[in-house]
Amino acid sequence: MNDLFGFATSAPVTWTDLLDIVIVSIAIYESLKLIRGTRAVQMVIGSALFVLLFYVSRWLQLETVNWVVRNIVGYVVFAAIVLFQTDIRRTLSHFGRTPFVRYFTNPDDEDESVDEIMDAAQWLAGHRTGALIVIEREIGLRNYIESGIPLDATLTYDLLVTVFQPSSPLHDGAVIVQGDRVAAAACFLPLTVKPGFSRELGTRHRAAIGLTEENDAIAVVVSEETGTISIAMDGALERSLDAAQLRARLRGLMVVRRQGVGRGRAATAQQG
């Protein structure tokens, strides 16, 4: 204890040391969040057991066991890269979408995402094809993404239109968008339990309201019955938007917010 106290007092802590600790802590925390509930957890546990076995073999002087562990580590690393390449790609993509990194990205990328969503919503509305597109903002939607079919594909008009075709096995459910990527399709969302909404609202509208009651996501809904476009945010629903209004609303919520002009708020719910 005296040795530990002496080390602590003899080594002054500078701001670079604190920064170093914060960066490592954030990296470890984000990595743990990403691997939670995935196959990578088993790999981490296995690696920890390997490290423990290495030190135990040194402590007990088990030379053969120690030699085997030391010589097999290299092969384990390559095997992990091959087996978990999808998880590694998803992790790197996640770090690339963090707010700090997005600050240096071109805002035109988000503007293009708005145009893709607007064009798809307009086409789907014109053909009376129901759709529910959820856009992730600051609060993650991982729980809902994992309830659907993972895609991790580039956000395009063609992809959105194809997914929501009645003949597509992915049309029943929500598409979740993260930045310029479609994270998943056929996702299940919670339905709102608030009374007072119009009886005309179907399952898609109630799911959009229910989700946005719980977080800051944006939900674009295309009605299969009426062909109208609606947008939900903060548990409120703005109905009967045309293409220009939808684009202006999405730009205000997605692009302008990033540039610090303001986050904007969803309009008051229209019950008619």
C-alpha atoms as a PDB file:
ATOM      1  CA  MET A   1       0.000   0.000   0.000  1.00  0.00           C
ATOM      2  CA  ASN A   2       2.856   2.383   0.806  1.00  0.00           C
ATOM      3  CA  ASP A   3       4.450   1.605  -2.552  1.00  0.00           C
ATOM      4  CA  LEU A   4       1.197   2.367  -4.352  1.00  0.00           C
ATOM      5  CA  PHE A   5       0.754   5.623  -2.430  1.00  0.00           C
ATOM      6  CA  GLY A   6       4.322   6.605  -3.159  1.00  0.00           C
ATOM      7  CA  PHE A   7       3.851   5.961  -6.882  1.00  0.00           C
ATOM      8  CA  ALA A   8       0.671   8.009  -6.946  1.00  0.00           C
ATOM      9  CA  THR A   9       2.288  10.973  -5.231  1.00  0.00           C
ATOM     10  CA  SER A  10       5.542  10.847  -7.184  1.00  0.00           C
ATOM     11  CA  ALA A  11       3.895  10.763 -10.611  1.00  0.00           C
ATOM     12  CA  PRO A  12       2.029  14.031 -11.285  1.00  0.00           C
ATOM     13  CA  VAL A  13      -1.087  13.684 -13.430  1.00  0.00           C
ATOM     14  CA  THR A  14      -1.137  16.047 -16.410  1.00  0.00           C
ATOM     15  CA  TRP A  15      -3.995  16.987 -18.739  1.00  0.00           C
ATOM     16  CA  THR A  16      -2.555  14.675 -21.394  1.00  0.00           C
ATOM     17  CA  ASP A  17      -2.805  11.763 -18.955  1.00  0.00           C
ATOM     18  CA  LEU A  18      -6.454  12.584 -18.315  1.00  0.00           C
ATOM     19  CA  LEU A  19      -7.116  12.883 -22.046  1.00  0.00           C
ATOM     20  CA  ASP A  20      -5.425   9.540 -22.590  1.00  0.00           C
ATOM     21  CA  ILE A  21      -7.639   7.897 -19.953  1.00  0.00           C
ATOM     22  CA  VAL A  22     -10.817   9.471 -21.355  1.00  0.00           C
ATOM     23  CA  ILE A  23     -10.089   8.356 -24.930  1.00  0.00           C
ATOM     24  CA  VAL A  24      -9.316   4.778 -23.896  1.00  0.00           C
ATOM     25  CA  SER A  25     -12.379   4.666 -21.645  1.00  0.00           C
ATOM     26  CA  ILE A  26     -14.686   5.865 -24.425  1.00  0.00           C
ATOM     27  CA  ALA A  27     -13.176   3.383 -26.887  1.00  0.00           C
ATOM     28  CA  ILE A  28     -13.649   0.483 -24.456  1.00  0.00           C
ATOM     29  CA  TYR A  29     -17.199   1.579 -23.608  1.00  0.00           C
ATOM     30  CA  GLU A  30     -18.267   1.928 -27.243  1.00  0.00           C
ATOM     31  CA  SER A  31     -16.686  -1.425 -28.105  1.00  0.00           C
ATOM     32  CA  LEU A  32     -18.547  -3.151 -25.278  1.00  0.00           C
ATOM     33  CA  LYS A  33     -21.821  -1.599 -26.441  1.00  0.00           C
ATOM     34  CA  LEU A  34     -21.247  -2.828 -29.978  1.00  0.00           C
ATOM     35  CA  ILE A  35     -20.389  -6.433 -29.089  1.00  0.00           C
ATOM     36  CA  ARG A  36     -23.148  -6.794 -26.504  1.00  0.00           C
ATOM     37  CA  GLY A  37     -25.536  -9.513 -27.626  1.00  0.00           C
ATOM     38  CA  THR A  38     -23.360 -10.612 -30.567  1.00  0.00           C
ATOM     39  CA  ARG A  39     -21.051 -13.530 -31.274  1.00  0.00           C
ATOM     40  CA  ALA A  40     -18.107 -11.270 -30.543  1.00  0.00           C
ATOM     41  CA  VAL A  41     -18.887 -11.559 -26.818  1.00  0.00           C
ATOM     42  CA  GLN A  42     -17.920 -15.218 -26.941  1.00  0.00           C
ATOM     43  CA  MET A  43     -14.678 -14.277 -28.666  1.00  0.00           C
ATOM     44  CA  VAL A  44     -13.859 -11.710 -25.981  1.00  0.00           C
ATOM     45  CA  ILE A  45     -14.529 -14.242 -23.228  1.00  0.00           C
ATOM     46  CA  GLY A  46     -12.368 -16.816 -24.999  1.00  0.00           C
ATOM     47  CA  SER A  47      -9.552 -14.273 -25.402  1.00  0.00           C
ATOM     48  CA  ALA A  48      -9.752 -13.356 -21.725  1.00  0.00           C
ATOM     49  CA  LEU A  49      -9.467 -17.039 -20.791  1.00  0.00           C
ATOM     50  CA  PHE A  50      -6.468 -17.344 -23.105  1.00  0.00           C
ATOM     51  CA  VAL A  51      -4.731 -14.429 -21.399  1.00  0.00           C
ATOM     52  CA  LEU A  52      -5.568 -15.857 -17.989  1.00  0.00           C
ATOM     53  CA  LEU A  53      -4.196 -19.250 -19.017  1.00  0.00           C
ATOM     54  CA  PHE A  54      -0.991 -17.609 -20.213  1.00  0.00           C
ATOM     55  CA  TYR A  55      -0.285 -15.916 -16.863  1.00  0.00           C
ATOM     56  CA  VAL A  56      -1.385 -18.932 -14.829  1.00  0.00           C
ATOM     57  CA  SER A  57       0.984 -21.151 -16.809  1.00  0.00           C
ATOM     58  CA  ARG A  58       3.830 -18.708 -16.128  1.00  0.00           C
ATOM     59  CA  TRP A  59       2.980 -18.496 -12.448  1.00  0.00           C
ATOM     60  CA  LEU A  60       2.800 -22.291 -12.047  1.00  0.00           C
ATOM     61  CA  GLN A  61       5.754 -22.777 -14.413  1.00  0.00           C
ATOM     62  CA  LEU A  62       3.776 -24.939 -16.830  1.00  0.00           C
ATOM     63  CA  GLU A  63       6.287 -24.646 -19.647  1.00  0.00           C
ATOM     64  CA  THR A  64       4.439 -26.780 -22.188  1.00  0.00           C
ATOM     65  CA  VAL A  65       1.133 -24.995 -21.701  1.00  0.00           C
ATOM     66  CA  ASN A  66       2.869 -21.623 -21.877  1.00  0.00           C
ATOM     67  CA  TRP A  67       4.647 -22.615 -25.106  1.00  0.00           C
ATOM     68  CA  VAL A  68       1.382 -23.761 -26.723  1.00  0.00           C
ATOM     69  CA  VAL A  69      -0.428 -20.538 -25.745  1.00  0.00           C
ATOM     70  CA  ARG A  70       2.375 -18.327 -27.041  1.00  0.00           C
ATOM     71  CA  ASN A  71       2.545 -20.124 -30.390  1.00  0.00           C
ATOM     72  CA  ILE A  72      -1.175 -20.298 -31.008  1.00  0.00           C
ATOM     73  CA  VAL A  73      -1.936 -16.617 -30.375  1.00  0.00           C
ATOM     74  CA  GLY A  74      -0.988 -15.540 -33.903  1.00  0.00           C
ATOM     75  CA  TYR A  75      -3.319 -18.053 -35.502  1.00  0.00           C
ATOM     76  CA  VAL A  76      -6.156 -17.048 -33.172  1.00  0.00           C
ATOM     77  CA  VAL A  77      -5.840 -13.414 -34.288  1.00  0.00           C
ATOM     78  CA  PHE A  78      -6.128 -14.333 -37.984  1.00  0.00           C
ATOM     79  CA  ALA A  79      -9.022 -16.683 -37.251  1.00  0.00           C
ATOM     80  CA  ALA A  80     -10.836 -13.903 -35.373  1.00  0.00           C
ATOM     81  CA  ILE A  81     -10.426 -11.512 -38.326  1.00  0.00           C
ATOM     82  CA  VAL A  82     -11.920 -14.069 -40.720  1.00  0.00           C
ATOM     83  CA  LEU A  83     -14.764 -15.194 -38.445  1.00  0.00           C
ATOM     84  CA  PHE A  84     -15.767 -11.750 -37.245  1.00  0.00           C
ATOM     85  CA  GLN A  85     -15.115  -9.613 -40.317  1.00  0.00           C
ATOM     86  CA  THR A  86     -18.782  -8.529 -40.374  1.00  0.00           C
ATOM     87  CA  ASP A  87     -18.658  -7.363 -36.752  1.00  0.00           C
ATOM     88  CA  ILE A  88     -15.345  -5.583 -37.346  1.00  0.00           C
ATOM     89  CA  ARG A  89     -16.779  -3.782 -40.395  1.00  0.00           C
ATOM     90  CA  ARG A  90     -19.877  -2.804 -38.416  1.00  0.00           C
ATOM     91  CA  THR A  91     -17.698  -1.481 -35.574  1.00  0.00           C
ATOM     92  CA  LEU A  92     -15.580   0.675 -37.876  1.00  0.00           C
ATOM     93  CA  SER A  93     -18.734   1.941 -39.587  1.00  0.00           C
ATOM     94  CA  HIS A  94     -20.206   2.814 -36.185  1.00  0.00           C
ATOM     95  CA  PHE A  95     -17.162   4.864 -35.200  1.00  0.00           C
ATOM     96  CA  GLY A  96     -17.334   6.596 -38.573  1.00  0.00           C
ATOM     97  CA  ARG A  97     -20.872   7.744 -37.753  1.00  0.00           C
ATOM     98  CA  THR A  98     -20.067   9.258 -34.353  1.00  0.00           C
ATOM     99  CA  PRO A  99     -20.975  12.960 -33.923  1.00  0.00           C
ATOM    100  CA  PHE A 100     -17.299  13.978 -33.731  1.00  0.00           C
ATOM    101  CA  VAL A 101     -16.495  12.350 -37.075  1.00  0.00           C
ATOM    102  CA  ARG A 102     -19.721  13.537 -38.709  1.00  0.00           C
ATOM    103  CA  TYR A 103     -18.694  17.109 -37.873  1.00  0.00           C
ATOM    104  CA  PHE A 104     -15.945  16.834 -40.505  1.00  0.00           C
ATOM    105  CA  THR A 105     -18.108  15.180 -43.155  1.00  0.00           C
ATOM    106  CA  ASN A 106     -19.725  16.981 -46.042  1.00  0.00           C
ATOM    107  CA  PRO A 107     -23.281  18.143 -45.207  1.00  0.00           C
ATOM    108  CA  ASP A 108     -24.172  17.461 -48.843  1.00  0.00           C
ATOM    109  CA  ASP A 109     -24.124  13.738 -47.947  1.00  0.00           C
ATOM    110  CA  GLU A 110     -27.049  14.225 -45.567  1.00  0.00           C
ATOM    111  CA  ASP A 111     -28.764  16.431 -48.147  1.00  0.00           C
ATOM    112  CA  GLU A 112     -28.516  13.559 -50.627  1.00  0.00           C
ATOM    113  CA  SER A 113     -30.037  11.209 -48.046  1.00  0.00           C
ATOM    114  CA  VAL A 114     -32.979  13.603 -47.673  1.00  0.00           C
ATOM    115  CA  ASP A 115     -33.490  13.614 -51.452  1.00  0.00           C
ATOM    116  CA  GLU A 116     -33.416   9.805 -51.628  1.00  0.00           C
ATOM    117  CA  ILE A 117     -36.015   9.496 -48.870  1.00  0.00           C
ATOM    118  CA  MET A 118     -38.191  12.233 -50.381  1.00  0.00           C
ATOM    119  CA  ASP A 119     -38.132  10.690 -53.871  1.00  0.00           C
ATOM    120  CA  ALA A 120     -38.951   7.243 -52.523  1.00  0.00           C
ATOM    121  CA  ALA A 121     -41.790   8.553 -50.348  1.00  0.00           C
ATOM    122  CA  GLN A 122     -43.243  10.479 -53.281  1.00  0.00           C
ATOM    123  CA  TRP A 123     -43.188   7.413 -55.553  1.00  0.00           C
ATOM    124  CA  LEU A 124     -44.647   5.142 -52.878  1.00  0.00           C
ATOM    125  CA  ALA A 125     -47.409   7.659 -52.130  1.00  0.00           C
ATOM    126  CA  GLY A 126     -48.278   7.954 -55.815  1.00  0.00           C
ATOM    127  CA  HIS A 127     -48.647   4.168 -56.080  1.00  0.00           C
ATOM    128  CA  ARG A 128     -50.532   3.800 -52.778  1.00  0.00           C
ATOM    129  CA  THR A 129     -47.771   1.610 -51.342  1.00  0.00           C
ATOM    130  CA  GLY A 130     -47.497   1.692 -47.559  1.00  0.00           C
ATOM    131  CA  ALA A 131     -44.099   2.485 -46.046  1.00  0.00           C
ATOM    132  CA  LEU A 132     -42.488   3.373 -42.728  1.00  0.00           C
ATOM    133  CA  ILE A 133     -38.990   4.908 -42.801  1.00  0.00           C
ATOM    134  CA  VAL A 134     -37.313   5.677 -39.468  1.00  0.00           C
ATOM    135  CA  ILE A 135     -34.294   8.007 -39.325  1.00  0.00           C
ATOM    136  CA  GLU A 136     -31.937   7.644 -36.389  1.00  0.00           C
ATOM    137  CA  ARG A 137     -30.638  10.835 -34.770  1.00  0.00           C
ATOM    138  CA  GLU A 138     -28.768  11.181 -31.467  1.00  0.00           C
ATOM    139  CA  ILE A 139     -30.383   8.271 -29.593  1.00  0.00           C
ATOM    140  CA  GLY A 140     -29.434   4.879 -31.009  1.00  0.00           C
ATOM    141  CA  LEU A 141     -32.039   2.455 -32.328  1.00  0.00           C
ATOM    142  CA  ARG A 142     -30.029  -0.732 -32.004  1.00  0.00           C
ATOM    143  CA  ASN A 143     -32.758  -2.648 -30.169  1.00  0.00           C
ATOM    144  CA  TYR A 144     -35.162  -2.050 -33.037  1.00  0.00           C
ATOM    145  CA  ILE A 145     -32.517  -2.726 -35.691  1.00  0.00           C
ATOM    146  CA  GLU A 146     -31.839  -6.138 -34.173  1.00  0.00           C
ATOM    147  CA  SER A 147     -35.552  -6.980 -34.362  1.00  0.00           C
ATOM    148  CA  GLY A 148     -35.450  -6.781 -38.167  1.00  0.00           C
ATOM    149  CA  ILE A 149     -33.347  -8.030 -41.071  1.00  0.00           C
ATOM    150  CA  PRO A 150     -29.886  -6.385 -41.157  1.00  0.00           C
ATOM    151  CA  LEU A 151     -28.977  -4.789 -44.486  1.00  0.00           C
ATOM    152  CA  ASP A 152     -26.190  -2.221 -43.880  1.00  0.00           C
ATOM    153  CA  ALA A 153     -26.658  -0.952 -47.441  1.00  0.00           C
ATOM    154  CA  THR A 154     -26.259   2.442 -49.067  1.00  0.00           C
ATOM    155  CA  LEU A 155     -29.418   4.542 -48.786  1.00  0.00           C
ATOM    156  CA  THR A 156     -30.922   4.874 -52.258  1.00  0.00           C
ATOM    157  CA  TYR A 157     -34.314   5.559 -53.772  1.00  0.00           C
ATOM    158  CA  ASP A 158     -34.278   2.204 -55.567  1.00  0.00           C
ATOM    159  CA  LEU A 159     -33.591   0.248 -52.375  1.00  0.00           C
ATOM    160  CA  LEU A 160     -36.395   1.934 -50.437  1.00  0.00           C
ATOM    161  CA  VAL A 161     -38.911   1.452 -53.236  1.00  0.00           C
ATOM    162  CA  THR A 162     -37.923  -2.199 -53.652  1.00  0.00           C
ATOM    163  CA  VAL A 163     -38.133  -3.000 -49.940  1.00  0.00           C
ATOM    164  CA  PHE A 164     -41.698  -1.724 -49.614  1.00  0.00           C
ATOM    165  CA  GLN A 165     -43.116  -3.547 -52.626  1.00  0.00           C
ATOM    166  CA  PRO A 166     -45.974  -5.820 -51.440  1.00  0.00           C
ATOM    167  CA  SER A 167     -44.221  -8.785 -53.069  1.00  0.00           C
ATOM    168  CA  SER A 168     -41.057  -8.165 -51.037  1.00  0.00           C
ATOM    169  CA  PRO A 169     -40.606 -10.264 -47.862  1.00  0.00           C
ATOM    170  CA  LEU A 170     -39.228  -7.132 -46.155  1.00  0.00           C
ATOM    171  CA  HIS A 171     -42.166  -4.790 -46.800  1.00  0.00           C
ATOM    172  CA  ASP A 172     -44.006  -5.575 -43.547  1.00  0.00           C
ATOM    173  CA  GLY A 173     -42.256  -3.461 -40.932  1.00  0.00           C
ATOM    174  CA  ALA A 174     -40.039  -0.402 -40.730  1.00  0.00           C
ATOM    175  CA  VAL A 175     -36.815   0.509 -42.479  1.00  0.00           C
ATOM    176  CA  ILE A 176     -34.277   2.134 -40.154  1.00  0.00           C
ATOM    177  CA  VAL A 177     -31.813   4.626 -41.632  1.00  0.00           C
ATOM    178  CA  GLN A 178     -28.498   5.567 -40.007  1.00  0.00           C
ATOM    179  CA  GLY A 179     -26.873   8.493 -41.785  1.00  0.00           C
ATOM    180  CA  ASP A 180     -26.506   7.461 -45.425  1.00  0.00           C
ATOM    181  CA  ARG A 181     -27.005   3.746 -44.696  1.00  0.00           C
ATOM    182  CA  VAL A 182     -30.059   1.529 -44.439  1.00  0.00           C
ATOM    183  CA  ALA A 183     -29.305  -0.422 -41.275  1.00  0.00           C
ATOM    184  CA  ALA A 184     -32.212  -2.877 -41.346  1.00  0.00           C
ATOM    185  CA  ALA A 185     -35.662  -3.595 -42.755  1.00  0.00           C
ATOM    186  CA  ALA A 186     -38.781  -5.378 -41.481  1.00  0.00           C
ATOM    187  CA  CYS A 187     -38.174  -3.939 -38.003  1.00  0.00           C
ATOM    188  CA  PHE A 188     -40.819  -4.131 -35.294  1.00  0.00           C
ATOM    189  CA  LEU A 189     -41.689  -0.881 -33.501  1.00  0.00           C
ATOM    190  CA  PRO A 190     -43.776  -0.195 -30.379  1.00  0.00           C
ATOM    191  CA  LEU A 191     -47.316   1.074 -30.956  1.00  0.00           C
ATOM    192  CA  THR A 192     -48.496   4.192 -29.176  1.00  0.00           C
ATOM    193  CA  VAL A 193     -50.976   3.695 -26.349  1.00  0.00           C
ATOM    194  CA  LYS A 194     -51.998   7.345 -26.147  1.00  0.00           C
ATOM    195  CA  PRO A 195     -55.731   7.920 -26.664  1.00  0.00           C
ATOM    196  CA  GLY A 196     -57.154  10.674 -28.836  1.00  0.00           C
ATOM    197  CA  PHE A 197     -55.619   9.856 -32.202  1.00  0.00           C
ATOM    198  CA  SER A 198     -57.844   9.592 -35.233  1.00  0.00           C
ATOM    199  CA  ARG A 199     -59.357   6.191 -35.996  1.00  0.00           C
ATOM    200  CA  GLU A 200     -58.071   6.644 -39.534  1.00  0.00           C
ATOM    201  CA  LEU A 201     -54.517   6.060 -38.337  1.00  0.00           C
ATOM    202  CA  GLY A 202     -53.322   2.549 -39.077  1.00  0.00           C
ATOM    203  CA  THR A 203     -50.598   0.393 -37.581  1.00  0.00           C
ATOM    204  CA  ARG A 204     -47.783   2.209 -39.414  1.00  0.00           C
ATOM    205  CA  HIS A 205     -48.821   5.610 -38.083  1.00  0.00           C
ATOM    206  CA  ARG A 206     -49.255   4.299 -34.550  1.00  0.00           C
ATOM    207  CA  ALA A 207     -45.847   2.595 -34.705  1.00  0.00           C
ATOM    208  CA  ALA A 208     -44.243   5.836 -35.908  1.00  0.00           C
ATOM    209  CA  ILE A 209     -45.814   7.776 -33.049  1.00  0.00           C
ATOM    210  CA  GLY A 210     -44.961   5.074 -30.515  1.00  0.00           C
ATOM    211  CA  LEU A 211     -41.298   5.018 -31.493  1.00  0.00           C
ATOM    212  CA  THR A 212     -40.874   8.789 -31.514  1.00  0.00           C
ATOM    213  CA  GLU A 213     -42.463   8.988 -28.056  1.00  0.00           C
ATOM    214  CA  GLU A 214     -39.453   7.070 -26.723  1.00  0.00           C
ATOM    215  CA  ASN A 215     -36.548   8.779 -28.530  1.00  0.00           C
ATOM    216  CA  ASP A 216     -35.597  11.585 -30.900  1.00  0.00           C
ATOM    217  CA  ALA A 217     -35.940   9.592 -34.132  1.00  0.00           C
ATOM    218  CA  ILE A 218     -37.882  10.852 -37.150  1.00  0.00           C
ATOM    219  CA  ALA A 219     -40.430   8.609 -38.852  1.00  0.00           C
ATOM    220  CA  VAL A 220     -41.747   9.105 -42.373  1.00  0.00           C
ATOM    221  CA  VAL A 221     -45.021   7.261 -43.036  1.00  0.00           C
ATOM    222  CA  VAL A 222     -46.747   6.631 -46.368  1.00  0.00           C
ATOM    223  CA  SER A 223     -50.380   5.599 -46.056  1.00  0.00           C
ATOM    224  CA  GLU A 224     -51.450   2.618 -48.130  1.00  0.00           C
ATOM    225  CA  GLU A 225     -55.124   3.635 -47.970  1.00  0.00           C
ATOM    226  CA  THR A 226     -54.890   7.346 -48.811  1.00  0.00           C
ATOM    227  CA  GLY A 227     -51.439   7.708 -50.372  1.00  0.00           C
ATOM    228  CA  THR A 228     -50.601  10.622 -48.050  1.00  0.00           C
ATOM    229  CA  ILE A 229     -47.193  11.290 -46.524  1.00  0.00           C
ATOM    230  CA  SER A 230     -46.830  12.008 -42.802  1.00  0.00           C
ATOM    231  CA  ILE A 231     -43.901  12.676 -40.509  1.00  0.00           C
ATOM    232  CA  ALA A 232     -43.720  11.827 -36.805  1.00  0.00           C
ATOM    233  CA  MET A 233     -41.419  13.279 -34.167  1.00  0.00           C
ATOM    234  CA  ASP A 234     -41.641  13.593 -30.383  1.00  0.00           C
ATOM    235  CA  GLY A 235     -44.879  11.618 -30.413  1.00  0.00           C
ATOM    236  CA  ALA A 236     -46.583  14.160 -32.708  1.00  0.00           C
ATOM    237  CA  LEU A 237     -47.748  13.524 -36.248  1.00  0.00           C
ATOM    238  CA  GLU A 238     -47.817  15.996 -39.128  1.00  0.00           C
ATOM    239  CA  ARG A 239     -50.008  14.697 -41.947  1.00  0.00           C
ATOM    240  CA  SER A 240     -50.650  15.290 -45.646  1.00  0.00           C
ATOM    241  CA  LEU A 241     -47.221  16.620 -46.624  1.00  0.00           C
ATOM    242  CA  ASP A 242     -46.254  17.101 -50.239  1.00  0.00           C
ATOM    243  CA  ALA A 243     -42.746  16.385 -51.540  1.00  0.00           C
ATOM    244  CA  ALA A 244     -41.491  19.956 -51.032  1.00  0.00           C
ATOM    245  CA  GLN A 245     -42.817  20.119 -47.476  1.00  0.00           C
ATOM    246  CA  LEU A 246     -41.298  16.740 -46.636  1.00  0.00           C
ATOM    247  CA  ARG A 247     -37.897  17.789 -47.974  1.00  0.00           C
ATOM    248  CA  ALA A 248     -37.965  21.071 -46.046  1.00  0.00           C
ATOM    249  CA  ARG A 249     -38.952  19.293 -42.842  1.00  0.00           C
ATOM    250  CA  LEU A 250     -36.274  16.618 -43.165  1.00  0.00           C
ATOM    251  CA  ARG A 251     -33.612  19.191 -44.025  1.00  0.00           C
ATOM    252  CA  GLY A 252     -34.569  21.187 -40.951  1.00  0.00           C
ATOM    253  CA  LEU A 253     -34.337  18.130 -38.733  1.00  0.00           C
ATOM    254  CA  MET A 254     -31.321  16.360 -40.246  1.00  0.00           C
ATOM    255  CA  VAL A 255     -29.062  18.803 -42.094  1.00  0.00           C
ATOM    256  CA  VAL A 256     -29.655  22.175 -40.469  1.00  0.00           C
ATOM    257  CA  ARG A 257     -29.346  20.615 -36.998  1.00  0.00           C
ATOM    258  CA  ARG A 258     -25.842  19.418 -37.862  1.00  0.00           C
ATOM    259  CA  GLN A 259     -24.802  22.878 -38.975  1.00  0.00           C
ATOM    260  CA  GLY A 260     -25.915  24.348 -35.637  1.00  0.00           C
ATOM    261  CA  VAL A 261     -28.799  26.373 -37.027  1.00  0.00           C
ATOM    262  CA  GLY A 262     -31.261  24.483 -34.849  1.00  0.00           C
ATOM    263  CA  ARG A 263     -32.774  21.103 -34.362  1.00  0.00           C
ATOM    264  CA  GLY A 264     -36.347  22.026 -35.180  1.00  0.00           C
ATOM    265  CA  ARG A 265     -39.423  20.420 -33.740  1.00  0.00           C
ATOM    266  CA  ALA A 266     -42.242  18.372 -35.242  1.00  0.00           C
ATOM    267  CA  ALA A 267     -45.482  20.235 -35.810  1.00  0.00           C
ATOM    268  CA  THR A 268     -48.470  19.790 -33.560  1.00  0.00           C
ATOM    269  CA  ALA A 269     -50.433  16.634 -34.332  1.00  0.00           C
ATOM    270  CA  GLN A 270     -53.310  17.030 -36.747  1.00  0.00           C
ATOM    271  CA  GLN A 271     -56.136  14.708 -35.929  1.00  0.00           C
ATOM    272  CA  GLY A 272     -58.331  15.331 -38.918  1.00  0.00           C
END
